[in-house]
Amino acid sequence: MAAKGWKEIPIGGTITEAGNAKEVKTGSWRVMRPIHDKNKCTSCMLCWLYCPDQAILQTQGHMDGINYDYCKGCGLCSSVCPAKAIEMKAETEFLE
């Protein structure tokens, strides 16, 4: 199934069917991208706790990265990180 763009999604991103949130890859809406520095990270998991999109990847309580397919770039993860291990950068820095 092809990913839906913002024009095909109901106003407000309403979830109309149970379990369909995985079908809507909202990462393309992002203006700012969180960059995770593994060397600074203490795996406190506050980023995971506060992320409204469940875009923080973790394995056995350790932060493994960010799922950019779903991250909207809100910056909550960066703002709650006590180790300053997540930096927000403009998405334009990653254009090819």
N, C-alpha and C. Protein backbone atom coordinates (compact mmCIF):
# COMPACT_ATOMS: atom_id res chain seq x y z
N MET A 1 0.84 -1.18 0.00
CA MET A 1 0.00 0.00 0.00
C MET A 1 0.89 1.25 0.00
N ALA A 2 0.61 2.17 -0.86
CA ALA A 2 1.39 3.41 -0.96
C ALA A 2 1.08 4.32 0.22
N ALA A 3 2.11 5.04 0.69
CA ALA A 3 1.93 5.98 1.80
C ALA A 3 1.04 7.13 1.36
N LYS A 4 0.18 7.57 2.27
CA LYS A 4 -0.70 8.69 1.97
C LYS A 4 0.03 10.00 2.20
N GLY A 5 -0.21 10.96 1.34
CA GLY A 5 0.33 12.30 1.51
C GLY A 5 -0.61 13.12 2.37
N TRP A 6 -0.21 14.31 2.71
CA TRP A 6 -1.02 15.14 3.61
C TRP A 6 -2.37 15.51 3.00
N LYS A 7 -2.48 15.51 1.67
CA LYS A 7 -3.75 15.87 1.03
C LYS A 7 -4.78 14.74 1.11
N GLU A 8 -4.32 13.49 1.29
CA GLU A 8 -5.23 12.36 1.35
C GLU A 8 -5.70 12.03 2.77
N ILE A 9 -5.11 12.67 3.77
CA ILE A 9 -5.43 12.38 5.16
C ILE A 9 -6.56 13.29 5.62
N PRO A 10 -7.52 12.76 6.40
CA PRO A 10 -8.62 13.60 6.88
C PRO A 10 -8.11 14.80 7.69
N ILE A 11 -8.86 15.88 7.70
CA ILE A 11 -8.50 17.09 8.43
C ILE A 11 -8.21 16.73 9.89
N GLY A 12 -7.12 17.25 10.40
CA GLY A 12 -6.73 16.96 11.78
C GLY A 12 -6.05 15.62 11.94
N GLY A 13 -5.83 14.89 10.87
CA GLY A 13 -5.19 13.58 10.95
C GLY A 13 -6.01 12.56 11.70
N THR A 14 -7.31 12.70 11.64
CA THR A 14 -8.23 11.81 12.35
C THR A 14 -7.96 10.35 12.00
N ILE A 15 -7.91 9.53 13.03
CA ILE A 15 -7.75 8.09 12.84
C ILE A 15 -9.15 7.52 12.67
N THR A 16 -9.47 7.10 11.46
CA THR A 16 -10.82 6.64 11.15
C THR A 16 -10.99 5.13 11.29
N GLU A 17 -9.88 4.40 11.38
CA GLU A 17 -9.95 2.96 11.52
C GLU A 17 -8.94 2.54 12.58
N ALA A 18 -9.27 1.56 13.37
CA ALA A 18 -8.34 1.07 14.38
C ALA A 18 -7.07 0.55 13.73
N GLY A 19 -5.94 0.98 14.26
CA GLY A 19 -4.66 0.48 13.78
C GLY A 19 -4.14 1.09 12.49
N ASN A 20 -4.78 2.15 11.96
CA ASN A 20 -4.32 2.68 10.68
C ASN A 20 -3.25 3.76 10.82
N ALA A 21 -2.85 4.12 12.04
CA ALA A 21 -1.83 5.15 12.23
C ALA A 21 -0.50 4.75 11.58
N LYS A 22 -0.20 3.47 11.54
CA LYS A 22 1.05 3.02 10.93
C LYS A 22 1.06 3.24 9.42
N GLU A 23 -0.10 3.35 8.81
CA GLU A 23 -0.19 3.56 7.38
C GLU A 23 0.13 5.01 6.99
N VAL A 24 0.01 5.92 7.95
CA VAL A 24 0.20 7.35 7.67
C VAL A 24 1.58 7.75 8.15
N LYS A 25 2.53 7.77 7.24
CA LYS A 25 3.90 8.14 7.58
C LYS A 25 4.01 9.66 7.53
N THR A 26 3.98 10.26 8.71
CA THR A 26 3.89 11.72 8.84
C THR A 26 5.24 12.42 8.84
N GLY A 27 6.32 11.67 8.73
CA GLY A 27 7.66 12.27 8.76
C GLY A 27 7.93 13.27 7.65
N SER A 28 7.21 13.16 6.56
CA SER A 28 7.45 14.10 5.45
C SER A 28 6.94 15.51 5.77
N TRP A 29 6.21 15.67 6.87
CA TRP A 29 5.71 16.98 7.27
C TRP A 29 6.77 17.79 8.01
N ARG A 30 7.82 17.12 8.43
CA ARG A 30 8.82 17.68 9.32
C ARG A 30 9.59 18.85 8.70
N VAL A 31 9.82 19.89 9.50
CA VAL A 31 10.65 21.03 9.12
C VAL A 31 11.99 20.96 9.86
N MET A 32 11.94 20.44 11.09
CA MET A 32 13.15 20.26 11.89
C MET A 32 13.33 18.77 12.17
N ARG A 33 14.60 18.32 12.18
CA ARG A 33 14.91 16.90 12.37
C ARG A 33 15.74 16.73 13.65
N PRO A 34 15.30 15.83 14.54
CA PRO A 34 16.11 15.56 15.72
C PRO A 34 17.29 14.64 15.37
N ILE A 35 18.47 15.03 15.82
CA ILE A 35 19.67 14.23 15.59
C ILE A 35 20.16 13.71 16.94
N HIS A 36 20.26 12.41 17.05
CA HIS A 36 20.63 11.74 18.30
C HIS A 36 22.14 11.51 18.35
N ASP A 37 22.79 11.97 19.43
CA ASP A 37 24.21 11.76 19.65
C ASP A 37 24.36 10.63 20.67
N LYS A 38 24.71 9.44 20.19
CA LYS A 38 24.83 8.26 21.06
C LYS A 38 25.88 8.44 22.14
N ASN A 39 26.91 9.24 21.86
CA ASN A 39 27.98 9.45 22.84
C ASN A 39 27.52 10.25 24.06
N LYS A 40 26.55 11.13 23.87
CA LYS A 40 26.04 11.94 24.97
C LYS A 40 24.86 11.27 25.69
N CYS A 41 24.17 10.38 25.00
CA CYS A 41 22.93 9.78 25.50
C CYS A 41 23.16 8.90 26.72
N THR A 42 22.32 9.08 27.74
CA THR A 42 22.37 8.25 28.94
C THR A 42 21.24 7.22 28.97
N SER A 43 20.43 7.18 27.94
CA SER A 43 19.26 6.30 27.83
C SER A 43 18.31 6.48 29.01
N CYS A 44 18.08 7.72 29.39
CA CYS A 44 17.12 8.01 30.47
C CYS A 44 15.69 7.76 29.98
N MET A 45 15.50 7.75 28.67
CA MET A 45 14.24 7.46 28.00
C MET A 45 13.16 8.52 28.18
N LEU A 46 13.54 9.72 28.62
CA LEU A 46 12.56 10.80 28.68
C LEU A 46 12.07 11.15 27.28
N CYS A 47 12.94 11.06 26.29
CA CYS A 47 12.54 11.32 24.90
C CYS A 47 11.43 10.36 24.48
N TRP A 48 11.60 9.09 24.81
CA TRP A 48 10.61 8.06 24.48
C TRP A 48 9.29 8.33 25.19
N LEU A 49 9.38 8.74 26.46
CA LEU A 49 8.19 9.00 27.26
C LEU A 49 7.38 10.18 26.71
N TYR A 50 8.06 11.23 26.28
CA TYR A 50 7.38 12.45 25.85
C TYR A 50 7.04 12.49 24.35
N CYS A 51 7.64 11.65 23.54
CA CYS A 51 7.39 11.70 22.09
C CYS A 51 5.92 11.40 21.78
N PRO A 52 5.20 12.37 21.18
CA PRO A 52 3.79 12.15 20.88
C PRO A 52 3.57 11.21 19.70
N ASP A 53 4.61 10.91 18.96
CA ASP A 53 4.47 10.08 17.76
C ASP A 53 5.06 8.69 17.90
N GLN A 54 5.55 8.35 19.07
CA GLN A 54 6.21 7.07 19.32
C GLN A 54 7.30 6.81 18.28
N ALA A 55 8.07 7.85 17.98
CA ALA A 55 9.11 7.76 16.97
C ALA A 55 10.48 7.43 17.56
N ILE A 56 10.57 7.34 18.88
CA ILE A 56 11.85 7.00 19.51
C ILE A 56 11.99 5.48 19.51
N LEU A 57 13.07 5.01 18.92
CA LEU A 57 13.33 3.57 18.85
C LEU A 57 14.11 3.15 20.09
N GLN A 58 13.72 2.03 20.68
CA GLN A 58 14.42 1.56 21.87
C GLN A 58 14.47 0.04 21.87
N THR A 59 15.52 -0.46 22.52
CA THR A 59 15.68 -1.89 22.72
C THR A 59 16.10 -2.10 24.16
N GLN A 60 15.32 -2.85 24.90
CA GLN A 60 15.61 -3.19 26.29
C GLN A 60 15.96 -1.94 27.11
N GLY A 61 15.19 -0.88 26.94
CA GLY A 61 15.37 0.32 27.73
C GLY A 61 16.51 1.23 27.30
N HIS A 62 17.05 1.00 26.13
CA HIS A 62 18.13 1.85 25.62
C HIS A 62 17.68 2.52 24.33
N MET A 63 17.92 3.79 24.22
CA MET A 63 17.55 4.57 23.03
C MET A 63 18.39 4.12 21.85
N ASP A 64 17.73 3.71 20.76
CA ASP A 64 18.43 3.20 19.57
C ASP A 64 18.40 4.15 18.39
N GLY A 65 17.63 5.21 18.47
CA GLY A 65 17.54 6.14 17.35
C GLY A 65 16.13 6.67 17.20
N ILE A 66 15.87 7.23 16.04
CA ILE A 66 14.59 7.89 15.78
C ILE A 66 14.01 7.36 14.48
N ASN A 67 12.74 7.02 14.51
CA ASN A 67 12.05 6.56 13.30
C ASN A 67 11.55 7.79 12.56
N TYR A 68 12.28 8.19 11.54
CA TYR A 68 11.96 9.41 10.80
C TYR A 68 10.73 9.27 9.91
N ASP A 69 10.22 8.06 9.74
CA ASP A 69 8.98 7.88 8.99
C ASP A 69 7.80 8.52 9.73
N TYR A 70 7.89 8.56 11.07
CA TYR A 70 6.77 9.05 11.88
C TYR A 70 7.09 10.32 12.66
N CYS A 71 8.35 10.66 12.82
CA CYS A 71 8.74 11.86 13.58
C CYS A 71 8.30 13.11 12.82
N LYS A 72 7.53 13.97 13.50
CA LYS A 72 7.07 15.22 12.89
C LYS A 72 7.98 16.39 13.19
N GLY A 73 9.04 16.17 13.98
CA GLY A 73 10.00 17.22 14.25
C GLY A 73 9.54 18.26 15.26
N CYS A 74 8.70 17.86 16.20
CA CYS A 74 8.16 18.82 17.18
C CYS A 74 9.23 19.32 18.15
N GLY A 75 10.27 18.52 18.39
CA GLY A 75 11.36 18.93 19.26
C GLY A 75 11.17 18.63 20.73
N LEU A 76 10.07 17.96 21.10
CA LEU A 76 9.88 17.60 22.50
C LEU A 76 11.02 16.74 23.01
N CYS A 77 11.47 15.80 22.23
CA CYS A 77 12.56 14.91 22.65
C CYS A 77 13.80 15.72 22.99
N SER A 78 14.11 16.69 22.17
CA SER A 78 15.28 17.54 22.40
C SER A 78 15.12 18.40 23.64
N SER A 79 13.94 18.93 23.84
CA SER A 79 13.72 19.84 24.97
C SER A 79 13.71 19.13 26.32
N VAL A 80 13.37 17.84 26.37
CA VAL A 80 13.34 17.12 27.65
C VAL A 80 14.63 16.35 27.92
N CYS A 81 15.54 16.31 26.98
CA CYS A 81 16.78 15.53 27.13
C CYS A 81 17.74 16.24 28.09
N PRO A 82 17.97 15.66 29.29
CA PRO A 82 18.87 16.31 30.25
C PRO A 82 20.34 16.28 29.81
N ALA A 83 20.69 15.32 28.95
CA ALA A 83 22.08 15.19 28.49
C ALA A 83 22.36 16.00 27.23
N LYS A 84 21.32 16.67 26.71
CA LYS A 84 21.45 17.43 25.45
C LYS A 84 21.99 16.53 24.33
N ALA A 85 21.48 15.29 24.30
CA ALA A 85 21.93 14.31 23.31
C ALA A 85 21.11 14.35 22.03
N ILE A 86 20.07 15.20 21.98
CA ILE A 86 19.26 15.32 20.77
C ILE A 86 19.25 16.79 20.36
N GLU A 87 19.74 17.03 19.16
CA GLU A 87 19.82 18.39 18.62
C GLU A 87 18.86 18.51 17.44
N MET A 88 18.13 19.60 17.40
CA MET A 88 17.21 19.84 16.28
C MET A 88 17.95 20.58 15.18
N LYS A 89 17.86 20.06 13.96
CA LYS A 89 18.49 20.69 12.80
C LYS A 89 17.45 20.87 11.71
N ALA A 90 17.63 21.88 10.90
CA ALA A 90 16.69 22.16 9.79
C ALA A 90 16.70 20.99 8.82
N GLU A 91 15.52 20.58 8.41
CA GLU A 91 15.38 19.48 7.47
C GLU A 91 16.08 19.78 6.15
N THR A 92 16.20 21.04 5.81
CA THR A 92 16.87 21.42 4.55
C THR A 92 18.34 21.01 4.53
N GLU A 93 18.94 20.79 5.69
CA GLU A 93 20.33 20.34 5.74
C GLU A 93 20.50 18.92 5.21
N PHE A 94 19.39 18.20 5.08
CA PHE A 94 19.46 16.79 4.69
C PHE A 94 18.93 16.53 3.28
N LEU A 95 18.64 17.59 2.55
CA LEU A 95 18.17 17.42 1.17
C LEU A 95 19.33 17.00 0.29
N GLU A 96 19.04 16.17 -0.68
CA GLU A 96 20.08 15.70 -1.59
C GLU A 96 20.28 16.64 -2.74
